C-alpha cells in the first residue's frame, strides 16, 4: 500500500498515534476479508463487501494523512 510513501509510513507508525491505529485497523480488516473469502459461501458476500468498504475508508484517511505529512516535511 502506497509504495511511494514507504519511508514515511515507517516513520508515522511510530510517531503518529492516529496513523498507527488506522494502519493496524486496515491490516486487521485485510486479514479478515482474506479469511472470509477462503471460507467461501454466498452468505458471507455482504459481510465481505462491508469490510471492503471500511478498508477503503481507512485507506483514504491514511492517504490523506500521508499527503499532509509529506507536504509538511517538504
PDB file of N, CA and C in Angstrom:
ATOM      1  N   UNK A   1       0.849  -1.178   0.000  1.00  0.00           N
ATOM      2  CA  UNK A   1       0.000   0.000   0.000  1.00  0.00           C
ATOM      3  C   UNK A   1       0.893   1.238   0.000  1.00  0.00           C
ATOM      4  N   UNK A   2       0.712   2.087  -0.967  1.00  0.00           N
ATOM      5  CA  UNK A   2       1.425   3.361  -1.111  1.00  0.00           C
ATOM      6  C   UNK A   2       2.955   3.201  -1.086  1.00  0.00           C
ATOM      7  N   UNK A   3       3.515   2.467  -2.039  1.00  0.00           N
ATOM      8  CA  UNK A   3       4.973   2.256  -2.023  1.00  0.00           C
ATOM      9  C   UNK A   3       5.778   3.551  -2.102  1.00  0.00           C
ATOM     10  N   UNK A   4       5.203   4.590  -2.685  1.00  0.00           N
ATOM     11  CA  UNK A   4       5.921   5.861  -2.789  1.00  0.00           C
ATOM     12  C   UNK A   4       6.095   6.531  -1.426  1.00  0.00           C
ATOM     13  N   UNK A   5       5.338   6.072  -0.444  1.00  0.00           N
ATOM     14  CA  UNK A   5       5.411   6.638   0.909  1.00  0.00           C
ATOM     15  C   UNK A   5       6.004   5.646   1.919  1.00  0.00           C
ATOM     16  N   UNK A   6       6.714   4.650   1.438  1.00  0.00           N
ATOM     17  CA  UNK A   6       7.216   3.579   2.314  1.00  0.00           C
ATOM     18  C   UNK A   6       7.969   4.112   3.537  1.00  0.00           C
ATOM     19  N   UNK A   7       8.920   5.005   3.309  1.00  0.00           N
ATOM     20  CA  UNK A   7       9.714   5.537   4.428  1.00  0.00           C
ATOM     21  C   UNK A   7       8.854   6.357   5.383  1.00  0.00           C
ATOM     22  N   UNK A   8       7.969   7.160   4.834  1.00  0.00           N
ATOM     23  CA  UNK A   8       7.093   7.983   5.671  1.00  0.00           C
ATOM     24  C   UNK A   8       6.147   7.103   6.488  1.00  0.00           C
ATOM     25  N   UNK A   9       5.644   6.041   5.891  1.00  0.00           N
ATOM     26  CA  UNK A   9       4.767   5.113   6.618  1.00  0.00           C
ATOM     27  C   UNK A   9       5.506   4.535   7.814  1.00  0.00           C
ATOM     28  N   UNK A  10       6.745   4.114   7.595  1.00  0.00           N
ATOM     29  CA  UNK A  10       7.548   3.559   8.684  1.00  0.00           C
ATOM     30  C   UNK A  10       7.692   4.570   9.816  1.00  0.00           C
ATOM     31  N   UNK A  11       7.940   5.825   9.467  1.00  0.00           N
ATOM     32  CA  UNK A  11       8.084   6.867  10.485  1.00  0.00           C
ATOM     33  C   UNK A  11       6.770   7.122  11.215  1.00  0.00           C
ATOM     34  N   UNK A  12       5.693   7.244  10.454  1.00  0.00           N
ATOM     35  CA  UNK A  12       4.406   7.598  11.059  1.00  0.00           C
ATOM     36  C   UNK A  12       3.857   6.492  11.955  1.00  0.00           C
ATOM     37  N   UNK A  13       4.192   5.257  11.664  1.00  0.00           N
ATOM     38  CA  UNK A  13       3.711   4.163  12.518  1.00  0.00           C
ATOM     39  C   UNK A  13       4.276   4.270  13.930  1.00  0.00           C
ATOM     40  N   UNK A  14       5.406   4.962  14.071  1.00  0.00           N
ATOM     41  CA  UNK A  14       5.995   5.111  15.402  1.00  0.00           C
ATOM     42  C   UNK A  14       5.782   6.491  16.014  1.00  0.00           C
ATOM     43  N   UNK A  15       5.426   7.486  15.183  1.00  0.00           N
ATOM     44  CA  UNK A  15       5.334   8.854  15.707  1.00  0.00           C
ATOM     45  C   UNK A  15       3.939   9.469  15.641  1.00  0.00           C
ATOM     46  N   UNK A  16       3.020   8.836  14.940  1.00  0.00           N
ATOM     47  CA  UNK A  16       1.688   9.407  14.719  1.00  0.00           C
ATOM     48  C   UNK A  16       0.647   8.387  15.206  1.00  0.00           C
ATOM     49  N   UNK A  17       0.156   8.531  16.437  1.00  0.00           N
ATOM     50  CA  UNK A  17      -0.758   7.530  17.006  1.00  0.00           C
ATOM     51  C   UNK A  17      -2.002   7.259  16.154  1.00  0.00           C
ATOM     52  N   UNK A  18      -2.584   8.297  15.587  1.00  0.00           N
ATOM     53  CA  UNK A  18      -3.786   8.101  14.757  1.00  0.00           C
ATOM     54  C   UNK A  18      -3.458   7.272  13.511  1.00  0.00           C
ATOM     55  N   UNK A  19      -2.352   7.604  12.860  1.00  0.00           N
ATOM     56  CA  UNK A  19      -1.935   6.849  11.684  1.00  0.00           C
ATOM     57  C   UNK A  19      -1.681   5.394  12.062  1.00  0.00           C
ATOM     58  N   UNK A  20      -0.976   5.184  13.151  1.00  0.00           N
ATOM     59  CA  UNK A  20      -0.667   3.831  13.619  1.00  0.00           C
ATOM     60  C   UNK A  20      -1.949   3.026  13.837  1.00  0.00           C
ATOM     61  N   UNK A  21      -2.917   3.621  14.486  1.00  0.00           N
ATOM     62  CA  UNK A  21      -4.191   2.954  14.754  1.00  0.00           C
ATOM     63  C   UNK A  21      -4.929   2.611  13.460  1.00  0.00           C
ATOM     64  N   UNK A  22      -5.026   3.572  12.554  1.00  0.00           N
ATOM     65  CA  UNK A  22      -5.704   3.339  11.276  1.00  0.00           C
ATOM     66  C   UNK A  22      -4.990   2.266  10.462  1.00  0.00           C
ATOM     67  N   UNK A  23      -3.677   2.305  10.459  1.00  0.00           N
ATOM     68  CA  UNK A  23      -2.883   1.333   9.712  1.00  0.00           C
ATOM     69  C   UNK A  23      -3.145  -0.076  10.236  1.00  0.00           C
ATOM     70  N   UNK A  24      -3.150  -0.228  11.547  1.00  0.00           N
ATOM     71  CA  UNK A  24      -3.412  -1.541  12.142  1.00  0.00           C
ATOM     72  C   UNK A  24      -4.831  -2.013  11.863  1.00  0.00           C
ATOM     73  N   UNK A  25      -5.801  -1.119  11.949  1.00  0.00           N
ATOM     74  CA  UNK A  25      -7.186  -1.490  11.644  1.00  0.00           C
ATOM     75  C   UNK A  25      -7.320  -1.945  10.197  1.00  0.00           C
ATOM     76  N   UNK A  26      -6.660  -1.227   9.291  1.00  0.00           N
ATOM     77  CA  UNK A  26      -6.703  -1.598   7.871  1.00  0.00           C
ATOM     78  C   UNK A  26      -6.118  -2.999   7.675  1.00  0.00           C
ATOM     79  N   UNK A  27      -4.983  -3.268   8.302  1.00  0.00           N
ATOM     80  CA  UNK A  27      -4.369  -4.591   8.181  1.00  0.00           C
ATOM     81  C   UNK A  27      -5.254  -5.677   8.775  1.00  0.00           C
ATOM     82  N   UNK A  28      -5.865  -5.400   9.910  1.00  0.00           N
ATOM     83  CA  UNK A  28      -6.774  -6.373  10.525  1.00  0.00           C
ATOM     84  C   UNK A  28      -7.948  -6.683   9.608  1.00  0.00           C
ATOM     85  N   UNK A  29      -8.520  -5.653   9.000  1.00  0.00           N
ATOM     86  CA  UNK A  29      -9.633  -5.863   8.071  1.00  0.00           C
ATOM     87  C   UNK A  29      -9.182  -6.651   6.850  1.00  0.00           C
ATOM     88  N   UNK A  30      -7.991  -6.382   6.380  1.00  0.00           N
ATOM     89  CA  UNK A  30      -7.460  -7.106   5.229  1.00  0.00           C
ATOM     90  C   UNK A  30      -7.373  -8.598   5.536  1.00  0.00           C
ATOM     91  N   UNK A  31      -6.859  -8.929   6.704  1.00  0.00           N
ATOM     92  CA  UNK A  31      -6.761 -10.336   7.108  1.00  0.00           C
ATOM     93  C   UNK A  31      -8.143 -10.966   7.258  1.00  0.00           C
ATOM     94  N   UNK A  32      -9.079 -10.224   7.805  1.00  0.00           N
ATOM     95  CA  UNK A  32     -10.439 -10.736   7.984  1.00  0.00           C
ATOM     96  C   UNK A  32     -11.111 -10.986   6.630  1.00  0.00           C
ATOM     97  N   UNK A  33     -10.936 -10.079   5.690  1.00  0.00           N
ATOM     98  CA  UNK A  33     -11.508 -10.263   4.349  1.00  0.00           C
ATOM     99  C   UNK A  33     -10.922 -11.516   3.703  1.00  0.00           C
ATOM    100  N   UNK A  34      -9.612 -11.668   3.784  1.00  0.00           N
ATOM    101  CA  UNK A  34      -8.976 -12.854   3.199  1.00  0.00           C
ATOM    102  C   UNK A  34      -9.483 -14.133   3.856  1.00  0.00           C
ATOM    103  N   UNK A  35      -9.637 -14.111   5.161  1.00  0.00           N
ATOM    104  CA  UNK A  35     -10.134 -15.283   5.881  1.00  0.00           C
ATOM    105  C   UNK A  35     -11.544 -15.637   5.420  1.00  0.00           C
ATOM    106  N   UNK A  36     -12.414 -14.640   5.326  1.00  0.00           N
ATOM    107  CA  UNK A  36     -13.793 -14.888   4.910  1.00  0.00           C
ATOM    108  C   UNK A  36     -13.865 -15.344   3.455  1.00  0.00           C
ATOM    109  N   UNK A  37     -13.006 -14.806   2.616  1.00  0.00           N
ATOM    110  CA  UNK A  37     -13.009 -15.206   1.211  1.00  0.00           C
ATOM    111  C   UNK A  37     -12.597 -16.663   1.043  1.00  0.00           C
ATOM    112  N   UNK A  38     -11.688 -17.127   1.887  1.00  0.00           N
ATOM    113  CA  UNK A  38     -11.264 -18.525   1.784  1.00  0.00           C
ATOM    114  C   UNK A  38     -12.341 -19.467   2.296  1.00  0.00           C
ATOM    115  N   UNK A  39     -13.204 -18.987   3.189  1.00  0.00           N
ATOM    116  CA  UNK A  39     -14.320 -19.806   3.671  1.00  0.00           C
ATOM    117  C   UNK A  39     -15.366 -19.985   2.583  1.00  0.00           C
ATOM    118  N   UNK A  40     -15.486 -18.969   1.740  1.00  0.00           N
ATOM    119  CA  UNK A  40     -16.458 -19.026   0.651  1.00  0.00           C
ATOM    120  C   UNK A  40     -17.881 -18.949   1.155  1.00  0.00           C
ATOM    121  N   UNK A  41     -18.793 -19.166   0.253  1.00  0.00           N
ATOM    122  CA  UNK A  41     -20.204 -19.134   0.621  1.00  0.00           C
ATOM    123  C   UNK A  41     -20.839 -17.798   0.320  1.00  0.00           C
ATOM    124  N   UNK A  42     -22.007 -17.847  -0.281  1.00  0.00           N
ATOM    125  CA  UNK A  42     -22.715 -16.623  -0.657  1.00  0.00           C
ATOM    126  C   UNK A  42     -23.190 -15.824   0.545  1.00  0.00           C
ATOM    127  N   UNK A  43     -23.389 -16.485   1.666  1.00  0.00           N
ATOM    128  CA  UNK A  43     -23.892 -15.778   2.845  1.00  0.00           C
ATOM    129  C   UNK A  43     -22.873 -14.774   3.384  1.00  0.00           C
ATOM    130  N   UNK A  44     -21.616 -14.927   3.010  1.00  0.00           N
ATOM    131  CA  UNK A  44     -20.564 -14.032   3.501  1.00  0.00           C
ATOM    132  C   UNK A  44     -20.331 -12.833   2.589  1.00  0.00           C
ATOM    133  N   UNK A  45     -20.939 -12.827   1.415  1.00  0.00           N
ATOM    134  CA  UNK A  45     -20.682 -11.760   0.444  1.00  0.00           C
ATOM    135  C   UNK A  45     -21.004 -10.376   0.986  1.00  0.00           C
ATOM    136  N   UNK A  46     -22.119 -10.236   1.693  1.00  0.00           N
ATOM    137  CA  UNK A  46     -22.482  -8.928   2.253  1.00  0.00           C
ATOM    138  C   UNK A  46     -21.478  -8.485   3.309  1.00  0.00           C
ATOM    139  N   UNK A  47     -21.058  -9.417   4.148  1.00  0.00           N
ATOM    140  CA  UNK A  47     -20.079  -9.109   5.195  1.00  0.00           C
ATOM    141  C   UNK A  47     -18.751  -8.685   4.566  1.00  0.00           C
ATOM    142  N   UNK A  48     -18.324  -9.414   3.546  1.00  0.00           N
ATOM    143  CA  UNK A  48     -17.073  -9.092   2.861  1.00  0.00           C
ATOM    144  C   UNK A  48     -17.161  -7.714   2.211  1.00  0.00           C
ATOM    145  N   UNK A  49     -18.279  -7.422   1.570  1.00  0.00           N
ATOM    146  CA  UNK A  49     -18.460  -6.113   0.924  1.00  0.00           C
ATOM    147  C   UNK A  49     -18.399  -4.987   1.949  1.00  0.00           C
ATOM    148  N   UNK A  50     -19.017  -5.186   3.101  1.00  0.00           N
ATOM    149  CA  UNK A  50     -18.995  -4.183   4.163  1.00  0.00           C
ATOM    150  C   UNK A  50     -17.573  -3.955   4.667  1.00  0.00           C
ATOM    151  N   UNK A  51     -16.840  -5.042   4.875  1.00  0.00           N
ATOM    152  CA  UNK A  51     -15.462  -4.924   5.342  1.00  0.00           C
ATOM    153  C   UNK A  51     -14.584  -4.224   4.306  1.00  0.00           C
ATOM    154  N   UNK A  52     -14.801  -4.525   3.039  1.00  0.00           N
ATOM    155  CA  UNK A  52     -14.018  -3.876   1.983  1.00  0.00           C
ATOM    156  C   UNK A  52     -14.295  -2.377   1.923  1.00  0.00           C
ATOM    157  N   UNK A  53     -15.533  -1.992   2.145  1.00  0.00           N
ATOM    158  CA  UNK A  53     -15.870  -0.561   2.166  1.00  0.00           C
ATOM    159  C   UNK A  53     -15.165   0.138   3.323  1.00  0.00           C
ATOM    160  N   UNK A  54     -15.130  -0.518   4.470  1.00  0.00           N
ATOM    161  CA  UNK A  54     -14.446   0.056   5.630  1.00  0.00           C
ATOM    162  C   UNK A  54     -12.943   0.148   5.370  1.00  0.00           C
ATOM    163  N   UNK A  55     -12.381  -0.880   4.742  1.00  0.00           N
ATOM    164  CA  UNK A  55     -10.965  -0.842   4.374  1.00  0.00           C
ATOM    165  C   UNK A  55     -10.665   0.342   3.465  1.00  0.00           C
ATOM    166  N   UNK A  56     -11.531   0.577   2.506  1.00  0.00           N
ATOM    167  CA  UNK A  56     -11.339   1.684   1.574  1.00  0.00           C
ATOM    168  C   UNK A  56     -11.426   3.026   2.292  1.00  0.00           C
ATOM    169  N   UNK A  57     -12.355   3.146   3.227  1.00  0.00           N
ATOM    170  CA  UNK A  57     -12.475   4.376   4.008  1.00  0.00           C
ATOM    171  C   UNK A  57     -11.191   4.632   4.802  1.00  0.00           C
ATOM    172  N   UNK A  58     -10.671   3.576   5.426  1.00  0.00           N
ATOM    173  CA  UNK A  58      -9.431   3.710   6.190  1.00  0.00           C
ATOM    174  C   UNK A  58      -8.259   4.061   5.275  1.00  0.00           C
ATOM    175  N   UNK A  59      -8.214   3.420   4.116  1.00  0.00           N
ATOM    176  CA  UNK A  59      -7.133   3.693   3.166  1.00  0.00           C
ATOM    177  C   UNK A  59      -7.162   5.147   2.713  1.00  0.00           C
ATOM    178  N   UNK A  60      -8.359   5.669   2.465  1.00  0.00           N
ATOM    179  CA  UNK A  60      -8.490   7.079   2.081  1.00  0.00           C
ATOM    180  C   UNK A  60      -7.962   7.999   3.178  1.00  0.00           C
ATOM    181  N   UNK A  61      -8.285   7.672   4.416  1.00  0.00           N
ATOM    182  CA  UNK A  61      -7.818   8.510   5.523  1.00  0.00           C
ATOM    183  C   UNK A  61      -6.302   8.391   5.703  1.00  0.00           C
ATOM    184  N   UNK A  62      -5.782   7.188   5.560  1.00  0.00           N
ATOM    185  CA  UNK A  62      -4.335   7.008   5.634  1.00  0.00           C
ATOM    186  C   UNK A  62      -3.632   7.832   4.554  1.00  0.00           C
ATOM    187  N   UNK A  63      -4.179   7.808   3.359  1.00  0.00           N
ATOM    188  CA  UNK A  63      -3.591   8.561   2.252  1.00  0.00           C
ATOM    189  C   UNK A  63      -3.636  10.064   2.523  1.00  0.00           C
ATOM    190  N   UNK A  64      -4.736  10.520   3.092  1.00  0.00           N
ATOM    191  CA  UNK A  64      -4.858  11.938   3.436  1.00  0.00           C
ATOM    192  C   UNK A  64      -3.761  12.339   4.422  1.00  0.00           C
ATOM    193  N   UNK A  65      -3.560  11.521   5.438  1.00  0.00           N
ATOM    194  CA  UNK A  65      -2.521  11.804   6.432  1.00  0.00           C
ATOM    195  C   UNK A  65      -1.140  11.785   5.773  1.00  0.00           C
ATOM    196  N   UNK A  66      -0.901  10.812   4.916  1.00  0.00           N
ATOM    197  CA  UNK A  66       0.393  10.725   4.233  1.00  0.00           C
ATOM    198  C   UNK A  66       0.669  11.967   3.393  1.00  0.00           C
ATOM    199  N   UNK A  67      -0.327  12.421   2.662  1.00  0.00           N
ATOM    200  CA  UNK A  67      -0.148  13.629   1.839  1.00  0.00           C
ATOM    201  C   UNK A  67       0.141  14.836   2.710  1.00  0.00           C
ATOM    202  N   UNK A  68      -0.633  14.994   3.790  1.00  0.00           N
ATOM    203  CA  UNK A  68      -0.433  16.140   4.687  1.00  0.00           C
ATOM    204  C   UNK A  68       0.958  16.115   5.308  1.00  0.00           C
ATOM    205  N   UNK A  69       1.359  14.958   5.794  1.00  0.00           N
ATOM    206  CA  UNK A  69       2.671  14.844   6.434  1.00  0.00           C
ATOM    207  C   UNK A  69       3.800  15.032   5.427  1.00  0.00           C
ATOM    208  N   UNK A  70       3.607  14.527   4.230  1.00  0.00           N
ATOM    209  CA  UNK A  70       4.620  14.682   3.187  1.00  0.00           C
ATOM    210  C   UNK A  70       4.799  16.153   2.825  1.00  0.00           C
ATOM    211  N   UNK A  71       3.697  16.874   2.696  1.00  0.00           N
ATOM    212  CA  UNK A  71       3.768  18.301   2.373  1.00  0.00           C
ATOM    213  C   UNK A  71       4.378  19.095   3.518  1.00  0.00           C
ATOM    214  N   UNK A  72       4.062  18.719   4.746  1.00  0.00           N
ATOM    215  CA  UNK A  72       4.595  19.432   5.905  1.00  0.00           C
ATOM    216  C   UNK A  72       6.104  19.236   6.036  1.00  0.00           C
ATOM    217  N   UNK A  73       6.596  18.111   5.546  1.00  0.00           N
ATOM    218  CA  UNK A  73       8.026  17.811   5.654  1.00  0.00           C
ATOM    219  C   UNK A  73       8.818  18.288   4.444  1.00  0.00           C
ATOM    220  N   UNK A  74       8.122  18.767   3.429  1.00  0.00           N
ATOM    221  CA  UNK A  74       8.810  19.199   2.188  1.00  0.00           C
ATOM    222  C   UNK A  74       9.458  20.559   2.356  1.00  0.00           C
TER     223      UNK A  74
END
